[in-house]
Amino acid sequence: MRVVVFGRKRTIQRLTVFLATEGIELVVISDGIGESVALEEPGSCDLAIVDSLSEEAEAVCRHIREFWEIPLVLTVGQKQADWERLQSLGADGYLPREARAIELAARLRAILRRFCPAGPAGNSAPHP
């Protein structure tokens, strides 16, 4: 599985450590829109994670929805209010910031199964 991650340095570091132990490859974008536009082949990624506390979270989510056909996942706090507020960004799921590596990986795989039942990385066409 290949995942593109947008966000604050702290969130990126945590996800890099946790998800690498689960065999998930990360493509890190630390400059929000600037680097996301420059990403040559967004289709080569199976899923996008956006740090909801990033200053550019809304703009990055809009860019993903407009140009990429991959599931969008937000990192959120444990409060339900966070998720309700962030649903307007068009997210397909969320990752609790406090979750452990195995839970993060399991949530990502479940979201991918919903969108690409045959598996990640082009094994099936994304759902509209």
N, C-alpha and C. Protein backbone atom coordinates (compact mmCIF):
# COMPACT_ATOMS: atom_id res chain seq x y z
N MET A 1 0.86 -1.17 0.00
CA MET A 1 0.00 0.00 0.00
C MET A 1 0.90 1.23 0.00
N ARG A 2 0.53 2.22 -0.81
CA ARG A 2 1.28 3.47 -0.90
C ARG A 2 0.34 4.61 -0.53
N VAL A 3 0.74 5.40 0.46
CA VAL A 3 -0.12 6.43 1.03
C VAL A 3 0.59 7.78 0.95
N VAL A 4 -0.11 8.80 0.46
CA VAL A 4 0.42 10.16 0.46
C VAL A 4 -0.08 10.85 1.73
N VAL A 5 0.83 11.56 2.42
CA VAL A 5 0.51 12.18 3.70
C VAL A 5 0.82 13.67 3.64
N PHE A 6 -0.16 14.48 4.02
CA PHE A 6 0.00 15.93 4.11
C PHE A 6 -0.16 16.32 5.58
N GLY A 7 0.72 17.19 6.09
CA GLY A 7 0.48 17.63 7.44
C GLY A 7 1.65 18.25 8.14
N ARG A 8 1.42 18.42 9.42
CA ARG A 8 2.44 19.01 10.28
C ARG A 8 3.56 18.00 10.51
N LYS A 9 4.73 18.52 10.79
CA LYS A 9 5.92 17.69 10.97
C LYS A 9 5.70 16.60 12.02
N ARG A 10 5.09 16.96 13.12
CA ARG A 10 4.86 15.99 14.22
C ARG A 10 3.98 14.82 13.76
N THR A 11 2.90 15.14 13.04
CA THR A 11 2.00 14.11 12.56
C THR A 11 2.69 13.23 11.53
N ILE A 12 3.43 13.85 10.63
CA ILE A 12 4.14 13.09 9.61
C ILE A 12 5.14 12.14 10.24
N GLN A 13 5.89 12.61 11.22
CA GLN A 13 6.88 11.76 11.89
C GLN A 13 6.21 10.56 12.56
N ARG A 14 5.12 10.81 13.23
CA ARG A 14 4.41 9.72 13.93
C ARG A 14 3.88 8.69 12.93
N LEU A 15 3.24 9.16 11.88
CA LEU A 15 2.70 8.24 10.88
C LEU A 15 3.82 7.47 10.17
N THR A 16 4.92 8.13 9.89
CA THR A 16 6.04 7.47 9.23
C THR A 16 6.55 6.31 10.07
N VAL A 17 6.75 6.55 11.35
CA VAL A 17 7.24 5.50 12.25
C VAL A 17 6.22 4.38 12.37
N PHE A 18 4.98 4.72 12.64
CA PHE A 18 3.95 3.72 12.88
C PHE A 18 3.64 2.89 11.63
N LEU A 19 3.41 3.54 10.51
CA LEU A 19 2.96 2.83 9.33
C LEU A 19 4.09 2.07 8.63
N ALA A 20 5.32 2.53 8.77
CA ALA A 20 6.44 1.79 8.19
C ALA A 20 6.57 0.42 8.85
N THR A 21 6.26 0.34 10.13
CA THR A 21 6.33 -0.96 10.82
C THR A 21 5.25 -1.92 10.32
N GLU A 22 4.22 -1.38 9.66
CA GLU A 22 3.14 -2.19 9.13
C GLU A 22 3.30 -2.44 7.62
N GLY A 23 4.44 -2.04 7.07
CA GLY A 23 4.71 -2.29 5.66
C GLY A 23 3.99 -1.35 4.71
N ILE A 24 3.61 -0.18 5.18
CA ILE A 24 2.91 0.80 4.36
C ILE A 24 3.91 1.87 3.94
N GLU A 25 4.02 2.09 2.63
CA GLU A 25 4.94 3.08 2.09
C GLU A 25 4.28 4.45 2.11
N LEU A 26 5.01 5.46 2.61
CA LEU A 26 4.47 6.81 2.67
C LEU A 26 5.17 7.73 1.69
N VAL A 27 4.39 8.56 1.02
CA VAL A 27 4.90 9.65 0.21
C VAL A 27 4.56 10.90 1.00
N VAL A 28 5.57 11.58 1.53
CA VAL A 28 5.34 12.70 2.44
C VAL A 28 5.34 14.02 1.68
N ILE A 29 4.30 14.80 1.91
CA ILE A 29 4.17 16.13 1.34
C ILE A 29 4.08 17.10 2.52
N SER A 30 5.12 17.88 2.73
CA SER A 30 5.14 18.75 3.90
C SER A 30 4.72 20.18 3.57
N ASP A 31 4.63 20.51 2.27
CA ASP A 31 4.33 21.88 1.86
C ASP A 31 2.92 22.02 1.30
N GLY A 32 2.02 21.17 1.71
CA GLY A 32 0.63 21.30 1.31
C GLY A 32 0.40 21.39 -0.18
N ILE A 33 -0.32 22.39 -0.60
CA ILE A 33 -0.73 22.53 -1.99
C ILE A 33 0.46 22.60 -2.94
N GLY A 34 1.49 23.34 -2.60
CA GLY A 34 2.64 23.48 -3.48
C GLY A 34 3.21 22.14 -3.91
N GLU A 35 3.49 21.26 -2.97
CA GLU A 35 4.06 19.96 -3.29
C GLU A 35 3.01 19.02 -3.86
N SER A 36 1.76 19.13 -3.42
CA SER A 36 0.74 18.21 -3.92
C SER A 36 0.48 18.43 -5.40
N VAL A 37 0.54 19.67 -5.84
CA VAL A 37 0.36 19.97 -7.25
C VAL A 37 1.53 19.40 -8.05
N ALA A 38 2.72 19.41 -7.45
CA ALA A 38 3.91 18.94 -8.14
C ALA A 38 4.02 17.42 -8.16
N LEU A 39 3.22 16.74 -7.36
CA LEU A 39 3.28 15.28 -7.34
C LEU A 39 2.86 14.75 -8.71
N GLU A 40 3.80 14.15 -9.41
CA GLU A 40 3.58 13.79 -10.81
C GLU A 40 2.47 12.78 -11.02
N GLU A 41 2.44 11.73 -10.25
CA GLU A 41 1.48 10.66 -10.50
C GLU A 41 0.66 10.36 -9.25
N PRO A 42 -0.32 11.19 -8.93
CA PRO A 42 -1.12 10.93 -7.74
C PRO A 42 -1.81 9.58 -7.80
N GLY A 43 -2.06 9.07 -9.00
CA GLY A 43 -2.70 7.77 -9.15
C GLY A 43 -1.83 6.64 -8.66
N SER A 44 -0.54 6.92 -8.46
CA SER A 44 0.35 5.87 -7.97
C SER A 44 0.18 5.65 -6.47
N CYS A 45 -0.59 6.50 -5.83
CA CYS A 45 -0.88 6.35 -4.40
C CYS A 45 -2.28 5.76 -4.24
N ASP A 46 -2.44 4.97 -3.20
CA ASP A 46 -3.71 4.29 -2.97
C ASP A 46 -4.67 5.11 -2.10
N LEU A 47 -4.13 6.04 -1.32
CA LEU A 47 -4.94 6.72 -0.32
C LEU A 47 -4.20 7.98 0.11
N ALA A 48 -4.93 8.99 0.58
CA ALA A 48 -4.33 10.22 1.10
C ALA A 48 -4.73 10.41 2.55
N ILE A 49 -3.76 10.80 3.37
CA ILE A 49 -4.02 11.17 4.76
C ILE A 49 -3.71 12.64 4.91
N VAL A 50 -4.65 13.40 5.48
CA VAL A 50 -4.45 14.83 5.71
C VAL A 50 -4.58 15.10 7.21
N ASP A 51 -3.59 15.79 7.74
CA ASP A 51 -3.61 16.20 9.14
C ASP A 51 -4.62 17.33 9.28
N SER A 52 -5.70 17.10 10.00
CA SER A 52 -6.76 18.09 10.09
C SER A 52 -6.33 19.37 10.81
N LEU A 53 -5.21 19.32 11.55
CA LEU A 53 -4.72 20.52 12.23
C LEU A 53 -3.76 21.33 11.37
N SER A 54 -3.43 20.84 10.20
CA SER A 54 -2.56 21.57 9.30
C SER A 54 -3.26 22.84 8.84
N GLU A 55 -2.50 23.91 8.67
CA GLU A 55 -3.09 25.18 8.23
C GLU A 55 -3.72 25.06 6.85
N GLU A 56 -3.20 24.18 6.02
CA GLU A 56 -3.70 24.05 4.65
C GLU A 56 -4.63 22.86 4.47
N ALA A 57 -5.15 22.30 5.54
CA ALA A 57 -5.97 21.09 5.45
C ALA A 57 -7.14 21.24 4.49
N GLU A 58 -7.88 22.32 4.59
CA GLU A 58 -9.04 22.50 3.72
C GLU A 58 -8.64 22.60 2.26
N ALA A 59 -7.60 23.37 1.96
CA ALA A 59 -7.15 23.53 0.57
C ALA A 59 -6.63 22.22 0.01
N VAL A 60 -5.89 21.47 0.81
CA VAL A 60 -5.35 20.19 0.35
C VAL A 60 -6.50 19.21 0.09
N CYS A 61 -7.48 19.17 0.97
CA CYS A 61 -8.63 18.27 0.77
C CYS A 61 -9.39 18.62 -0.51
N ARG A 62 -9.59 19.91 -0.77
CA ARG A 62 -10.26 20.33 -2.00
C ARG A 62 -9.45 19.90 -3.23
N HIS A 63 -8.13 20.06 -3.15
CA HIS A 63 -7.26 19.66 -4.27
C HIS A 63 -7.35 18.16 -4.52
N ILE A 64 -7.31 17.38 -3.47
CA ILE A 64 -7.41 15.92 -3.61
C ILE A 64 -8.74 15.55 -4.26
N ARG A 65 -9.82 16.11 -3.79
CA ARG A 65 -11.14 15.79 -4.32
C ARG A 65 -11.27 16.20 -5.79
N GLU A 66 -10.65 17.32 -6.15
CA GLU A 66 -10.78 17.82 -7.51
C GLU A 66 -9.93 17.04 -8.52
N PHE A 67 -8.72 16.63 -8.11
CA PHE A 67 -7.79 16.07 -9.09
C PHE A 67 -7.44 14.60 -8.91
N TRP A 68 -7.67 14.04 -7.76
CA TRP A 68 -7.24 12.67 -7.50
C TRP A 68 -8.46 11.80 -7.24
N GLU A 69 -8.39 10.56 -7.61
CA GLU A 69 -9.49 9.62 -7.37
C GLU A 69 -9.05 8.56 -6.37
N ILE A 70 -8.71 9.03 -5.18
CA ILE A 70 -8.28 8.13 -4.11
C ILE A 70 -9.04 8.48 -2.84
N PRO A 71 -9.19 7.52 -1.93
CA PRO A 71 -9.85 7.82 -0.66
C PRO A 71 -9.06 8.87 0.13
N LEU A 72 -9.77 9.69 0.86
CA LEU A 72 -9.21 10.76 1.67
C LEU A 72 -9.51 10.48 3.13
N VAL A 73 -8.47 10.45 3.95
CA VAL A 73 -8.61 10.16 5.37
C VAL A 73 -8.03 11.33 6.16
N LEU A 74 -8.72 11.73 7.22
CA LEU A 74 -8.25 12.82 8.07
C LEU A 74 -7.79 12.29 9.43
N THR A 75 -6.76 12.92 9.99
CA THR A 75 -6.39 12.62 11.37
C THR A 75 -7.25 13.53 12.25
N VAL A 76 -7.85 12.98 13.28
CA VAL A 76 -8.72 13.76 14.16
C VAL A 76 -8.45 13.41 15.61
N GLY A 77 -8.92 14.31 16.49
CA GLY A 77 -8.89 14.02 17.91
C GLY A 77 -9.96 13.00 18.25
N GLN A 78 -10.03 12.60 19.47
CA GLN A 78 -11.00 11.58 19.86
C GLN A 78 -12.43 12.10 19.90
N LYS A 79 -12.61 13.39 19.89
CA LYS A 79 -13.96 13.93 20.02
C LYS A 79 -14.76 13.75 18.74
N GLN A 80 -15.97 13.32 18.86
CA GLN A 80 -16.87 13.17 17.72
C GLN A 80 -17.08 14.51 17.02
N ALA A 81 -17.04 15.59 17.79
CA ALA A 81 -17.24 16.91 17.20
C ALA A 81 -16.19 17.22 16.15
N ASP A 82 -14.96 16.75 16.37
CA ASP A 82 -13.90 16.96 15.38
C ASP A 82 -14.29 16.33 14.06
N TRP A 83 -14.75 15.07 14.11
CA TRP A 83 -15.12 14.37 12.89
C TRP A 83 -16.31 15.04 12.22
N GLU A 84 -17.31 15.44 12.97
CA GLU A 84 -18.48 16.08 12.39
C GLU A 84 -18.10 17.39 11.69
N ARG A 85 -17.21 18.15 12.30
CA ARG A 85 -16.78 19.42 11.70
C ARG A 85 -15.99 19.16 10.42
N LEU A 86 -15.22 18.09 10.39
CA LEU A 86 -14.34 17.82 9.26
C LEU A 86 -15.00 17.07 8.11
N GLN A 87 -16.18 16.53 8.32
CA GLN A 87 -16.87 15.82 7.24
C GLN A 87 -17.14 16.74 6.05
N SER A 88 -17.26 18.03 6.30
CA SER A 88 -17.49 18.97 5.21
C SER A 88 -16.31 19.03 4.24
N LEU A 89 -15.17 18.48 4.64
CA LEU A 89 -13.99 18.47 3.76
C LEU A 89 -14.02 17.30 2.79
N GLY A 90 -15.04 16.47 2.87
CA GLY A 90 -15.19 15.37 1.93
C GLY A 90 -14.37 14.14 2.27
N ALA A 91 -14.08 13.94 3.54
CA ALA A 91 -13.27 12.79 3.95
C ALA A 91 -14.05 11.49 3.86
N ASP A 92 -13.32 10.43 3.55
CA ASP A 92 -13.91 9.09 3.48
C ASP A 92 -13.74 8.32 4.78
N GLY A 93 -12.93 8.83 5.67
CA GLY A 93 -12.70 8.17 6.94
C GLY A 93 -11.79 9.03 7.81
N TYR A 94 -11.48 8.52 8.99
CA TYR A 94 -10.62 9.27 9.90
C TYR A 94 -9.70 8.32 10.66
N LEU A 95 -8.62 8.90 11.16
CA LEU A 95 -7.67 8.19 12.01
C LEU A 95 -7.53 8.95 13.31
N PRO A 96 -7.84 8.33 14.44
CA PRO A 96 -7.63 9.02 15.71
C PRO A 96 -6.14 9.29 15.93
N ARG A 97 -5.80 10.48 16.35
CA ARG A 97 -4.39 10.82 16.58
C ARG A 97 -3.73 9.91 17.61
N GLU A 98 -4.51 9.41 18.55
CA GLU A 98 -3.95 8.61 19.64
C GLU A 98 -3.84 7.12 19.31
N ALA A 99 -4.25 6.73 18.11
CA ALA A 99 -4.28 5.30 17.77
C ALA A 99 -2.88 4.72 17.65
N ARG A 100 -2.77 3.42 17.91
CA ARG A 100 -1.50 2.70 17.78
C ARG A 100 -1.30 2.29 16.32
N ALA A 101 -0.09 1.86 16.01
CA ALA A 101 0.28 1.51 14.63
C ALA A 101 -0.65 0.46 14.04
N ILE A 102 -0.95 -0.57 14.77
CA ILE A 102 -1.77 -1.66 14.22
C ILE A 102 -3.19 -1.18 13.92
N GLU A 103 -3.73 -0.29 14.76
CA GLU A 103 -5.07 0.24 14.51
C GLU A 103 -5.06 1.16 13.29
N LEU A 104 -4.02 1.99 13.16
CA LEU A 104 -3.92 2.88 12.01
C LEU A 104 -3.89 2.07 10.71
N ALA A 105 -3.04 1.05 10.68
CA ALA A 105 -2.92 0.21 9.48
C ALA A 105 -4.23 -0.50 9.17
N ALA A 106 -4.89 -1.01 10.20
CA ALA A 106 -6.16 -1.72 9.99
C ALA A 106 -7.23 -0.78 9.44
N ARG A 107 -7.30 0.42 9.95
CA ARG A 107 -8.29 1.39 9.46
C ARG A 107 -8.02 1.73 7.99
N LEU A 108 -6.75 1.94 7.65
CA LEU A 108 -6.41 2.27 6.26
C LEU A 108 -6.78 1.13 5.32
N ARG A 109 -6.47 -0.08 5.73
CA ARG A 109 -6.80 -1.24 4.89
C ARG A 109 -8.32 -1.40 4.72
N ALA A 110 -9.06 -1.13 5.77
CA ALA A 110 -10.53 -1.23 5.69
C ALA A 110 -11.09 -0.18 4.73
N ILE A 111 -10.57 1.01 4.77
CA ILE A 111 -11.03 2.06 3.86
C ILE A 111 -10.71 1.67 2.42
N LEU A 112 -9.52 1.15 2.21
CA LEU A 112 -9.16 0.72 0.85
C LEU A 112 -10.05 -0.41 0.35
N ARG A 113 -10.41 -1.33 1.24
CA ARG A 113 -11.31 -2.43 0.83
C ARG A 113 -12.66 -1.88 0.38
N ARG A 114 -13.14 -0.84 1.04
CA ARG A 114 -14.42 -0.23 0.65
C ARG A 114 -14.35 0.40 -0.73
N PHE A 115 -13.21 1.00 -1.06
CA PHE A 115 -13.08 1.73 -2.31
C PHE A 115 -12.51 0.91 -3.45
N CYS A 116 -11.68 -0.05 -3.13
CA CYS A 116 -11.02 -0.88 -4.16
C CYS A 116 -11.04 -2.33 -3.69
N PRO A 117 -12.17 -3.02 -3.80
CA PRO A 117 -12.30 -4.37 -3.27
C PRO A 117 -11.25 -5.36 -3.77
N ALA A 118 -10.71 -5.16 -4.97
CA ALA A 118 -9.70 -6.08 -5.50
C ALA A 118 -8.31 -5.79 -4.95
N GLY A 119 -8.16 -4.71 -4.21
CA GLY A 119 -6.86 -4.40 -3.61
C GLY A 119 -6.29 -3.09 -4.09
N PRO A 120 -5.25 -2.59 -3.41
CA PRO A 120 -4.64 -1.32 -3.74
C PRO A 120 -3.76 -1.40 -4.99
N ALA A 121 -3.23 -0.25 -5.37
CA ALA A 121 -2.22 -0.09 -6.42
C ALA A 121 -2.70 -0.55 -7.79
N GLY A 122 -3.89 -0.12 -8.15
CA GLY A 122 -4.35 -0.35 -9.51
C GLY A 122 -4.90 -1.73 -9.81
N ASN A 123 -5.12 -2.57 -8.82
CA ASN A 123 -5.67 -3.91 -9.07
C ASN A 123 -7.14 -3.85 -9.44
N SER A 124 -7.76 -2.72 -9.21
CA SER A 124 -9.14 -2.51 -9.64
C SER A 124 -9.35 -1.02 -9.87
N ALA A 125 -10.34 -0.68 -10.62
CA ALA A 125 -10.63 0.73 -10.87
C ALA A 125 -11.26 1.33 -9.62
N PRO A 126 -10.90 2.59 -9.30
CA PRO A 126 -11.52 3.22 -8.14
C PRO A 126 -13.01 3.43 -8.36
N HIS A 127 -13.72 3.39 -7.28
CA HIS A 127 -15.17 3.62 -7.37
C HIS A 127 -15.42 5.08 -7.63
N PRO A 128 -16.44 5.43 -8.37
CA PRO A 128 -16.75 6.84 -8.65
C PRO A 128 -17.21 7.56 -7.41
